[in-house]
Amino acid sequence: MSGTGWNLIHIRQLFAEHPSSVGESYFQHMRSAHGFALRMVMTGLLCFVHGLLPFLFKQTASRQVEILHDVMVTNRHRGHRVGGAPGSRTGGSDSKVRLPQS
């Protein structure tokens, strides 16, 4: 096998190893990571607003950190998610949590 073939296989393994370890495909993992990133960015913006207007979003950041921790750590076990087959999401589409208004 040529060096290029090994590199392509190695690159595929690099992209698949971590998502597989949490029971997701590459694209499922990308979607999940992007969702976390969006939630963190939005929470950061709300924290910024809270710094200017302390009467707004008093508990938003702490609630979002708890939600992220619950989804990422508490409810995820290596190789599968609680309540579902490997790679499945628990709670179906109703499990999405929206940022609070205030």
PDB file of N, CA and C in Angstrom:
ATOM      1  N   MET A   1       0.847  -1.176   0.000  1.00  0.00           N
ATOM      2  CA  MET A   1       0.000   0.000   0.000  1.00  0.00           C
ATOM      3  C   MET A   1       0.887   1.232   0.000  1.00  0.00           C
ATOM      4  N   SER A   2       0.518   2.215  -0.772  1.00  0.00           N
ATOM      5  CA  SER A   2       1.320   3.432  -0.854  1.00  0.00           C
ATOM      6  C   SER A   2       1.140   4.265   0.403  1.00  0.00           C
ATOM      7  N   GLY A   3       2.042   5.193   0.618  1.00  0.00           N
ATOM      8  CA  GLY A   3       1.961   6.097   1.755  1.00  0.00           C
ATOM      9  C   GLY A   3       0.690   6.918   1.743  1.00  0.00           C
ATOM     10  N   THR A   4       0.222   7.263   0.554  1.00  0.00           N
ATOM     11  CA  THR A   4      -1.006   8.058   0.443  1.00  0.00           C
ATOM     12  C   THR A   4      -2.205   7.280   0.951  1.00  0.00           C
ATOM     13  N   GLY A   5      -2.303   5.985   0.622  1.00  0.00           N
ATOM     14  CA  GLY A   5      -3.399   5.155   1.102  1.00  0.00           C
ATOM     15  C   GLY A   5      -3.447   5.094   2.616  1.00  0.00           C
ATOM     16  N   TRP A   6      -2.300   4.920   3.235  1.00  0.00           N
ATOM     17  CA  TRP A   6      -2.251   4.888   4.692  1.00  0.00           C
ATOM     18  C   TRP A   6      -2.707   6.214   5.264  1.00  0.00           C
ATOM     19  N   ASN A   7      -2.283   7.306   4.651  1.00  0.00           N
ATOM     20  CA  ASN A   7      -2.672   8.621   5.148  1.00  0.00           C
ATOM     21  C   ASN A   7      -4.176   8.832   5.064  1.00  0.00           C
ATOM     22  N   LEU A   8      -4.811   8.397   3.978  1.00  0.00           N
ATOM     23  CA  LEU A   8      -6.258   8.552   3.851  1.00  0.00           C
ATOM     24  C   LEU A   8      -6.990   7.729   4.896  1.00  0.00           C
ATOM     25  N   ILE A   9      -6.519   6.510   5.132  1.00  0.00           N
ATOM     26  CA  ILE A   9      -7.137   5.672   6.165  1.00  0.00           C
ATOM     27  C   ILE A   9      -6.937   6.300   7.532  1.00  0.00           C
ATOM     28  N   HIS A  10      -5.757   6.773   7.792  1.00  0.00           N
ATOM     29  CA  HIS A  10      -5.454   7.412   9.072  1.00  0.00           C
ATOM     30  C   HIS A  10      -6.315   8.660   9.271  1.00  0.00           C
ATOM     31  N   ILE A  11      -6.468   9.443   8.233  1.00  0.00           N
ATOM     32  CA  ILE A  11      -7.296  10.657   8.313  1.00  0.00           C
ATOM     33  C   ILE A  11      -8.744  10.286   8.596  1.00  0.00           C
ATOM     34  N   ARG A  12      -9.263   9.259   7.931  1.00  0.00           N
ATOM     35  CA  ARG A  12     -10.635   8.810   8.200  1.00  0.00           C
ATOM     36  C   ARG A  12     -10.785   8.393   9.652  1.00  0.00           C
ATOM     37  N   GLN A  13      -9.790   7.684  10.187  1.00  0.00           N
ATOM     38  CA  GLN A  13      -9.840   7.258  11.585  1.00  0.00           C
ATOM     39  C   GLN A  13      -9.836   8.467  12.519  1.00  0.00           C
ATOM     40  N   LEU A  14      -9.040   9.484  12.189  1.00  0.00           N
ATOM     41  CA  LEU A  14      -9.003  10.685  13.011  1.00  0.00           C
ATOM     42  C   LEU A  14     -10.375  11.350  13.092  1.00  0.00           C
ATOM     43  N   PHE A  15     -11.091  11.383  11.972  1.00  0.00           N
ATOM     44  CA  PHE A  15     -12.399  12.019  11.930  1.00  0.00           C
ATOM     45  C   PHE A  15     -13.484  11.167  12.583  1.00  0.00           C
ATOM     46  N   ALA A  16     -13.304   9.862  12.656  1.00  0.00           N
ATOM     47  CA  ALA A  16     -14.353   8.974  13.151  1.00  0.00           C
ATOM     48  C   ALA A  16     -14.142   8.519  14.595  1.00  0.00           C
ATOM     49  N   GLU A  17     -12.914   8.542  15.084  1.00  0.00           N
ATOM     50  CA  GLU A  17     -12.611   7.947  16.389  1.00  0.00           C
ATOM     51  C   GLU A  17     -13.410   8.570  17.528  1.00  0.00           C
ATOM     52  N   HIS A  18     -13.331   9.877  17.697  1.00  0.00           N
ATOM     53  CA  HIS A  18     -14.035  10.511  18.817  1.00  0.00           C
ATOM     54  C   HIS A  18     -15.550  10.436  18.663  1.00  0.00           C
ATOM     55  N   PRO A  19     -16.117  10.810  17.518  1.00  0.00           N
ATOM     56  CA  PRO A  19     -17.581  10.667  17.397  1.00  0.00           C
ATOM     57  C   PRO A  19     -18.051   9.248  17.712  1.00  0.00           C
ATOM     58  N   SER A  20     -17.325   8.260  17.243  1.00  0.00           N
ATOM     59  CA  SER A  20     -17.681   6.869  17.503  1.00  0.00           C
ATOM     60  C   SER A  20     -17.631   6.559  18.995  1.00  0.00           C
ATOM     61  N   SER A  21     -16.679   7.145  19.707  1.00  0.00           N
ATOM     62  CA  SER A  21     -16.532   6.871  21.139  1.00  0.00           C
ATOM     63  C   SER A  21     -17.711   7.395  21.957  1.00  0.00           C
ATOM     64  N   VAL A  22     -18.486   8.321  21.399  1.00  0.00           N
ATOM     65  CA  VAL A  22     -19.672   8.838  22.087  1.00  0.00           C
ATOM     66  C   VAL A  22     -20.952   8.390  21.393  1.00  0.00           C
ATOM     67  N   GLY A  23     -20.830   7.369  20.531  1.00  0.00           N
ATOM     68  CA  GLY A  23     -22.000   6.763  19.916  1.00  0.00           C
ATOM     69  C   GLY A  23     -22.632   7.580  18.809  1.00  0.00           C
ATOM     70  N   GLU A  24     -21.827   8.366  18.090  1.00  0.00           N
ATOM     71  CA  GLU A  24     -22.343   9.207  17.023  1.00  0.00           C
ATOM     72  C   GLU A  24     -21.546   9.002  15.748  1.00  0.00           C
ATOM     73  N   SER A  25     -22.188   9.291  14.627  1.00  0.00           N
ATOM     74  CA  SER A  25     -21.455   9.363  13.368  1.00  0.00           C
ATOM     75  C   SER A  25     -20.760  10.730  13.320  1.00  0.00           C
ATOM     76  N   TYR A  26     -19.921  10.915  12.321  1.00  0.00           N
ATOM     77  CA  TYR A  26     -19.233  12.203  12.162  1.00  0.00           C
ATOM     78  C   TYR A  26     -20.244  13.346  12.057  1.00  0.00           C
ATOM     79  N   PHE A  27     -21.279  13.171  11.216  1.00  0.00           N
ATOM     80  CA  PHE A  27     -22.239  14.243  10.990  1.00  0.00           C
ATOM     81  C   PHE A  27     -23.155  14.456  12.192  1.00  0.00           C
ATOM     82  N   GLN A  28     -23.504  13.394  12.911  1.00  0.00           N
ATOM     83  CA  GLN A  28     -24.278  13.564  14.145  1.00  0.00           C
ATOM     84  C   GLN A  28     -23.459  14.353  15.163  1.00  0.00           C
ATOM     85  N   HIS A  29     -22.174  14.015  15.252  1.00  0.00           N
ATOM     86  CA  HIS A  29     -21.304  14.703  16.201  1.00  0.00           C
ATOM     87  C   HIS A  29     -21.127  16.171  15.807  1.00  0.00           C
ATOM     88  N   MET A  30     -20.987  16.431  14.519  1.00  0.00           N
ATOM     89  CA  MET A  30     -20.828  17.807  14.055  1.00  0.00           C
ATOM     90  C   MET A  30     -22.081  18.623  14.415  1.00  0.00           C
ATOM     91  N   ARG A  31     -23.247  18.032  14.176  1.00  0.00           N
ATOM     92  CA  ARG A  31     -24.496  18.725  14.494  1.00  0.00           C
ATOM     93  C   ARG A  31     -24.582  19.010  16.000  1.00  0.00           C
ATOM     94  N   SER A  32     -24.242  18.025  16.809  1.00  0.00           N
ATOM     95  CA  SER A  32     -24.286  18.191  18.259  1.00  0.00           C
ATOM     96  C   SER A  32     -23.296  19.272  18.712  1.00  0.00           C
ATOM     97  N   ALA A  33     -22.089  19.218  18.201  1.00  0.00           N
ATOM     98  CA  ALA A  33     -21.065  20.203  18.576  1.00  0.00           C
ATOM     99  C   ALA A  33     -21.459  21.605  18.143  1.00  0.00           C
ATOM    100  N   HIS A  34     -22.032  21.728  16.967  1.00  0.00           N
ATOM    101  CA  HIS A  34     -22.478  23.042  16.494  1.00  0.00           C
ATOM    102  C   HIS A  34     -23.625  23.559  17.356  1.00  0.00           C
ATOM    103  N   GLY A  35     -24.496  22.664  17.794  1.00  0.00           N
ATOM    104  CA  GLY A  35     -25.580  23.066  18.693  1.00  0.00           C
ATOM    105  C   GLY A  35     -25.045  23.583  20.022  1.00  0.00           C
ATOM    106  N   PHE A  36     -24.049  22.878  20.570  1.00  0.00           N
ATOM    107  CA  PHE A  36     -23.419  23.338  21.806  1.00  0.00           C
ATOM    108  C   PHE A  36     -22.745  24.689  21.595  1.00  0.00           C
ATOM    109  N   ALA A  37     -22.049  24.829  20.486  1.00  0.00           N
ATOM    110  CA  ALA A  37     -21.354  26.086  20.214  1.00  0.00           C
ATOM    111  C   ALA A  37     -22.342  27.246  20.113  1.00  0.00           C
ATOM    112  N   LEU A  38     -23.428  27.036  19.400  1.00  0.00           N
ATOM    113  CA  LEU A  38     -24.431  28.090  19.256  1.00  0.00           C
ATOM    114  C   LEU A  38     -25.020  28.458  20.607  1.00  0.00           C
ATOM    115  N   ARG A  39     -25.337  27.451  21.413  1.00  0.00           N
ATOM    116  CA  ARG A  39     -25.892  27.720  22.744  1.00  0.00           C
ATOM    117  C   ARG A  39     -24.890  28.514  23.590  1.00  0.00           C
ATOM    118  N   MET A  40     -23.597  28.145  23.528  1.00  0.00           N
ATOM    119  CA  MET A  40     -22.590  28.854  24.324  1.00  0.00           C
ATOM    120  C   MET A  40     -22.400  30.287  23.855  1.00  0.00           C
ATOM    121  N   VAL A  41     -22.412  30.506  22.543  1.00  0.00           N
ATOM    122  CA  VAL A  41     -22.281  31.866  22.011  1.00  0.00           C
ATOM    123  C   VAL A  41     -23.475  32.714  22.446  1.00  0.00           C
ATOM    124  N   MET A  42     -24.688  32.163  22.306  1.00  0.00           N
ATOM    125  CA  MET A  42     -25.889  32.898  22.703  1.00  0.00           C
ATOM    126  C   MET A  42     -25.867  33.193  24.204  1.00  0.00           C
ATOM    127  N   THR A  43     -25.462  32.220  24.999  1.00  0.00           N
ATOM    128  CA  THR A  43     -25.378  32.425  26.443  1.00  0.00           C
ATOM    129  C   THR A  43     -24.351  33.506  26.763  1.00  0.00           C
ATOM    130  N   GLY A  44     -23.231  33.493  26.066  1.00  0.00           N
ATOM    131  CA  GLY A  44     -22.215  34.529  26.267  1.00  0.00           C
ATOM    132  C   GLY A  44     -22.744  35.924  25.950  1.00  0.00           C
ATOM    133  N   LEU A  45     -23.509  36.024  24.866  1.00  0.00           N
ATOM    134  CA  LEU A  45     -24.104  37.318  24.521  1.00  0.00           C
ATOM    135  C   LEU A  45     -25.096  37.766  25.595  1.00  0.00           C
ATOM    136  N   LEU A  46     -25.891  36.833  26.102  1.00  0.00           N
ATOM    137  CA  LEU A  46     -26.834  37.181  27.171  1.00  0.00           C
ATOM    138  C   LEU A  46     -26.095  37.580  28.446  1.00  0.00           C
ATOM    139  N   CYS A  47     -24.953  36.958  28.721  1.00  0.00           N
ATOM    140  CA  CYS A  47     -24.130  37.361  29.871  1.00  0.00           C
ATOM    141  C   CYS A  47     -23.612  38.783  29.686  1.00  0.00           C
ATOM    142  N   PHE A  48     -23.229  39.102  28.462  1.00  0.00           N
ATOM    143  CA  PHE A  48     -22.765  40.454  28.163  1.00  0.00           C
ATOM    144  C   PHE A  48     -23.883  41.464  28.424  1.00  0.00           C
ATOM    145  N   VAL A  49     -25.087  41.163  27.948  1.00  0.00           N
ATOM    146  CA  VAL A  49     -26.243  42.035  28.190  1.00  0.00           C
ATOM    147  C   VAL A  49     -26.512  42.129  29.691  1.00  0.00           C
ATOM    148  N   HIS A  50     -26.426  41.009  30.397  1.00  0.00           N
ATOM    149  CA  HIS A  50     -26.633  40.994  31.845  1.00  0.00           C
ATOM    150  C   HIS A  50     -25.626  41.906  32.551  1.00  0.00           C
ATOM    151  N   GLY A  51     -24.389  41.926  32.060  1.00  0.00           N
ATOM    152  CA  GLY A  51     -23.387  42.813  32.655  1.00  0.00           C
ATOM    153  C   GLY A  51     -23.773  44.279  32.523  1.00  0.00           C
ATOM    154  N   LEU A  52     -24.396  44.629  31.416  1.00  0.00           N
ATOM    155  CA  LEU A  52     -24.835  46.014  31.203  1.00  0.00           C
ATOM    156  C   LEU A  52     -26.143  46.310  31.931  1.00  0.00           C
ATOM    157  N   LEU A  53     -27.031  45.351  31.922  1.00  0.00           N
ATOM    158  CA  LEU A  53     -28.371  45.500  32.506  1.00  0.00           C
ATOM    159  C   LEU A  53     -28.598  44.344  33.485  1.00  0.00           C
ATOM    160  N   PRO A  54     -28.073  44.464  34.707  1.00  0.00           N
ATOM    161  CA  PRO A  54     -28.048  43.334  35.636  1.00  0.00           C
ATOM    162  C   PRO A  54     -29.410  42.804  36.048  1.00  0.00           C
ATOM    163  N   PHE A  55     -30.463  43.514  35.754  1.00  0.00           N
ATOM    164  CA  PHE A  55     -31.807  43.042  36.088  1.00  0.00           C
ATOM    165  C   PHE A  55     -32.346  42.073  35.044  1.00  0.00           C
ATOM    166  N   LEU A  56     -31.640  41.902  33.936  1.00  0.00           N
ATOM    167  CA  LEU A  56     -32.032  40.953  32.894  1.00  0.00           C
ATOM    168  C   LEU A  56     -31.173  39.696  32.972  1.00  0.00           C
ATOM    169  N   PHE A  57     -31.754  38.564  32.617  1.00  0.00           N
ATOM    170  CA  PHE A  57     -31.041  37.283  32.477  1.00  0.00           C
ATOM    171  C   PHE A  57     -30.247  36.923  33.728  1.00  0.00           C
ATOM    172  N   LYS A  58     -30.875  37.085  34.896  1.00  0.00           N
ATOM    173  CA  LYS A  58     -30.192  36.869  36.174  1.00  0.00           C
ATOM    174  C   LYS A  58     -29.671  35.450  36.357  1.00  0.00           C
ATOM    175  N   GLN A  59     -30.384  34.460  35.866  1.00  0.00           N
ATOM    176  CA  GLN A  59     -29.973  33.068  36.075  1.00  0.00           C
ATOM    177  C   GLN A  59     -29.735  32.325  34.770  1.00  0.00           C
ATOM    178  N   THR A  60     -29.737  33.026  33.667  1.00  0.00           N
ATOM    179  CA  THR A  60     -29.637  32.384  32.356  1.00  0.00           C
ATOM    180  C   THR A  60     -28.336  31.604  32.194  1.00  0.00           C
ATOM    181  N   ALA A  61     -27.211  32.213  32.508  1.00  0.00           N
ATOM    182  CA  ALA A  61     -25.922  31.549  32.293  1.00  0.00           C
ATOM    183  C   ALA A  61     -25.808  30.285  33.138  1.00  0.00           C
ATOM    184  N   SER A  62     -26.165  30.374  34.424  1.00  0.00           N
ATOM    185  CA  SER A  62     -26.031  29.197  35.273  1.00  0.00           C
ATOM    186  C   SER A  62     -26.968  28.080  34.821  1.00  0.00           C
ATOM    187  N   ARG A  63     -28.181  28.427  34.372  1.00  0.00           N
ATOM    188  CA  ARG A  63     -29.095  27.399  33.864  1.00  0.00           C
ATOM    189  C   ARG A  63     -28.540  26.747  32.610  1.00  0.00           C
ATOM    190  N   GLN A  64     -27.980  27.544  31.718  1.00  0.00           N
ATOM    191  CA  GLN A  64     -27.449  26.991  30.477  1.00  0.00           C
ATOM    192  C   GLN A  64     -26.247  26.098  30.735  1.00  0.00           C
ATOM    193  N   VAL A  65     -25.392  26.465  31.670  1.00  0.00           N
ATOM    194  CA  VAL A  65     -24.246  25.617  32.028  1.00  0.00           C
ATOM    195  C   VAL A  65     -24.751  24.288  32.583  1.00  0.00           C
ATOM    196  N   GLU A  66     -25.776  24.318  33.434  1.00  0.00           N
ATOM    197  CA  GLU A  66     -26.344  23.082  33.972  1.00  0.00           C
ATOM    198  C   GLU A  66     -26.928  22.215  32.860  1.00  0.00           C
ATOM    199  N   ILE A  67     -27.638  22.842  31.915  1.00  0.00           N
ATOM    200  CA  ILE A  67     -28.231  22.095  30.800  1.00  0.00           C
ATOM    201  C   ILE A  67     -27.138  21.469  29.944  1.00  0.00           C
ATOM    202  N   LEU A  68     -26.112  22.249  29.603  1.00  0.00           N
ATOM    203  CA  LEU A  68     -25.023  21.722  28.781  1.00  0.00           C
ATOM    204  C   LEU A  68     -24.316  20.572  29.488  1.00  0.00           C
ATOM    205  N   HIS A  69     -24.068  20.731  30.762  1.00  0.00           N
ATOM    206  CA  HIS A  69     -23.418  19.661  31.521  1.00  0.00           C
ATOM    207  C   HIS A  69     -24.295  18.417  31.540  1.00  0.00           C
ATOM    208  N   ASP A  70     -25.589  18.610  31.767  1.00  0.00           N
ATOM    209  CA  ASP A  70     -26.512  17.480  31.816  1.00  0.00           C
ATOM    210  C   ASP A  70     -26.520  16.722  30.490  1.00  0.00           C
ATOM    211  N   VAL A  71     -26.578  17.440  29.401  1.00  0.00           N
ATOM    212  CA  VAL A  71     -26.626  16.796  28.080  1.00  0.00           C
ATOM    213  C   VAL A  71     -25.290  16.166  27.725  1.00  0.00           C
ATOM    214  N   MET A  72     -24.193  16.873  27.994  1.00  0.00           N
ATOM    215  CA  MET A  72     -22.883  16.412  27.538  1.00  0.00           C
ATOM    216  C   MET A  72     -22.259  15.372  28.453  1.00  0.00           C
ATOM    217  N   VAL A  73     -22.425  15.504  29.745  1.00  0.00           N
ATOM    218  CA  VAL A  73     -21.702  14.643  30.680  1.00  0.00           C
ATOM    219  C   VAL A  73     -22.630  13.667  31.392  1.00  0.00           C
ATOM    220  N   THR A  74     -23.643  14.163  32.041  1.00  0.00           N
ATOM    221  CA  THR A  74     -24.492  13.324  32.867  1.00  0.00           C
ATOM    222  C   THR A  74     -25.256  12.293  32.045  1.00  0.00           C
ATOM    223  N   ASN A  75     -25.825  12.701  30.927  1.00  0.00           N
ATOM    224  CA  ASN A  75     -26.665  11.804  30.131  1.00  0.00           C
ATOM    225  C   ASN A  75     -25.939  11.103  29.000  1.00  0.00           C
ATOM    226  N   ARG A  76     -24.661  11.279  28.873  1.00  0.00           N
ATOM    227  CA  ARG A  76     -23.916  10.610  27.809  1.00  0.00           C
ATOM    228  C   ARG A  76     -22.901   9.680  28.436  1.00  0.00           C
ATOM    229  N   HIS A  77     -22.918   8.460  27.979  1.00  0.00           N
ATOM    230  CA  HIS A  77     -21.938   7.467  28.410  1.00  0.00           C
ATOM    231  C   HIS A  77     -21.142   7.054  27.195  1.00  0.00           C
ATOM    232  N   ARG A  78     -19.909   6.721  27.375  1.00  0.00           N
ATOM    233  CA  ARG A  78     -19.069   6.297  26.252  1.00  0.00           C
ATOM    234  C   ARG A  78     -19.758   5.213  25.448  1.00  0.00           C
ATOM    235  N   GLY A  79     -19.884   5.463  24.156  1.00  0.00           N
ATOM    236  CA  GLY A  79     -20.425   4.461  23.255  1.00  0.00           C
ATOM    237  C   GLY A  79     -21.924   4.486  23.089  1.00  0.00           C
ATOM    238  N   HIS A  80     -22.653   5.156  23.987  1.00  0.00           N
ATOM    239  CA  HIS A  80     -24.097   5.242  23.796  1.00  0.00           C
ATOM    240  C   HIS A  80     -24.678   6.366  24.635  1.00  0.00           C
ATOM    241  N   ARG A  81     -25.916   6.700  24.329  1.00  0.00           N
ATOM    242  CA  ARG A  81     -26.641   7.696  25.107  1.00  0.00           C
ATOM    243  C   ARG A  81     -27.690   6.969  25.934  1.00  0.00           C
ATOM    244  N   VAL A  82     -27.974   7.483  27.105  1.00  0.00           N
ATOM    245  CA  VAL A  82     -28.955   6.871  27.995  1.00  0.00           C
ATOM    246  C   VAL A  82     -30.312   6.851  27.307  1.00  0.00           C
ATOM    247  N   GLY A  83     -31.009   5.720  27.425  1.00  0.00           N
ATOM    248  CA  GLY A  83     -32.367   5.631  26.920  1.00  0.00           C
ATOM    249  C   GLY A  83     -32.479   5.360  25.445  1.00  0.00           C
ATOM    250  N   GLY A  84     -31.396   5.078  24.782  1.00  0.00           N
ATOM    251  CA  GLY A  84     -31.492   4.827  23.356  1.00  0.00           C
ATOM    252  C   GLY A  84     -30.396   3.918  22.877  1.00  0.00           C
ATOM    253  N   ALA A  85     -30.522   3.534  21.648  1.00  0.00           N
ATOM    254  CA  ALA A  85     -29.494   2.708  21.026  1.00  0.00           C
ATOM    255  C   ALA A  85     -28.264   3.559  20.776  1.00  0.00           C
ATOM    256  N   PRO A  86     -27.125   2.931  20.551  1.00  0.00           N
ATOM    257  CA  PRO A  86     -25.926   3.697  20.240  1.00  0.00           C
ATOM    258  C   PRO A  86     -26.191   4.647  19.089  1.00  0.00           C
ATOM    259  N   GLY A  87     -25.823   5.902  19.331  1.00  0.00           N
ATOM    260  CA  GLY A  87     -25.985   6.917  18.297  1.00  0.00           C
ATOM    261  C   GLY A  87     -27.333   7.604  18.313  1.00  0.00           C
ATOM    262  N   SER A  88     -28.263   7.134  19.140  1.00  0.00           N
ATOM    263  CA  SER A  88     -29.579   7.769  19.159  1.00  0.00           C
ATOM    264  C   SER A  88     -29.589   8.909  20.156  1.00  0.00           C
ATOM    265  N   ARG A  89     -30.511   9.786  19.968  1.00  0.00           N
ATOM    266  CA  ARG A  89     -30.684  10.900  20.891  1.00  0.00           C
ATOM    267  C   ARG A  89     -31.840  10.564  21.818  1.00  0.00           C
ATOM    268  N   THR A  90     -31.699  10.919  23.088  1.00  0.00           N
ATOM    269  CA  THR A  90     -32.773  10.634  24.028  1.00  0.00           C
ATOM    270  C   THR A  90     -33.814  11.722  23.942  1.00  0.00           C
ATOM    271  N   GLY A  91     -35.049  11.340  24.190  1.00  0.00           N
ATOM    272  CA  GLY A  91     -36.108  12.317  24.265  1.00  0.00           C
ATOM    273  C   GLY A  91     -36.658  12.770  22.938  1.00  0.00           C
ATOM    274  N   GLY A  92     -36.114  12.335  21.838  1.00  0.00           N
ATOM    275  CA  GLY A  92     -36.627  12.734  20.537  1.00  0.00           C
ATOM    276  C   GLY A  92     -36.484  14.220  20.297  1.00  0.00           C
ATOM    277  N   SER A  93     -37.280  14.753  19.374  1.00  0.00           N
ATOM    278  CA  SER A  93     -37.159  16.157  19.002  1.00  0.00           C
ATOM    279  C   SER A  93     -37.646  17.083  20.105  1.00  0.00           C
ATOM    280  N   ASP A  94     -38.436  16.571  21.068  1.00  0.00           N
ATOM    281  CA  ASP A  94     -38.923  17.407  22.154  1.00  0.00           C
ATOM    282  C   ASP A  94     -37.838  17.708  23.173  1.00  0.00           C
ATOM    283  N   SER A  95     -36.668  17.059  23.083  1.00  0.00           N
ATOM    284  CA  SER A  95     -35.622  17.250  24.079  1.00  0.00           C
ATOM    285  C   SER A  95     -34.811  18.517  23.841  1.00  0.00           C
ATOM    286  N   LYS A  96     -35.074  19.245  22.769  1.00  0.00           N
ATOM    287  CA  LYS A  96     -34.341  20.480  22.523  1.00  0.00           C
ATOM    288  C   LYS A  96     -34.788  21.524  23.530  1.00  0.00           C
ATOM    289  N   VAL A  97     -33.825  22.216  24.105  1.00  0.00           N
ATOM    290  CA  VAL A  97     -34.122  23.220  25.109  1.00  0.00           C
ATOM    291  C   VAL A  97     -33.871  24.588  24.507  1.00  0.00           C
ATOM    292  N   ARG A  98     -34.803  25.479  24.677  1.00  0.00           N
ATOM    293  CA  ARG A  98     -34.700  26.832  24.144  1.00  0.00           C
ATOM    294  C   ARG A  98     -34.114  27.756  25.211  1.00  0.00           C
ATOM    295  N   LEU A  99     -33.407  28.797  24.790  1.00  0.00           N
ATOM    296  CA  LEU A  99     -32.893  29.782  25.726  1.00  0.00           C
ATOM    297  C   LEU A  99     -34.063  30.543  26.332  1.00  0.00           C
ATOM    298  N   PRO A 100     -34.020  30.812  27.649  1.00  0.00           N
ATOM    299  CA  PRO A 100     -35.103  31.548  28.276  1.00  0.00           C
ATOM    300  C   PRO A 100     -35.138  32.998  27.795  1.00  0.00           C
ATOM    301  N   GLN A 101     -36.308  33.587  27.860  1.00  0.00           N
ATOM    302  CA  GLN A 101     -36.476  34.976  27.410  1.00  0.00           C
ATOM    303  C   GLN A 101     -35.894  35.961  28.410  1.00  0.00           C
ATOM    304  N   SER A 102     -36.007  35.685  29.695  1.00  0.00           N
ATOM    305  CA  SER A 102     -35.407  36.578  30.689  1.00  0.00           C
ATOM    306  C   SER A 102     -35.245  35.880  32.000  1.00  0.00           C
TER     307      SER A 102
END
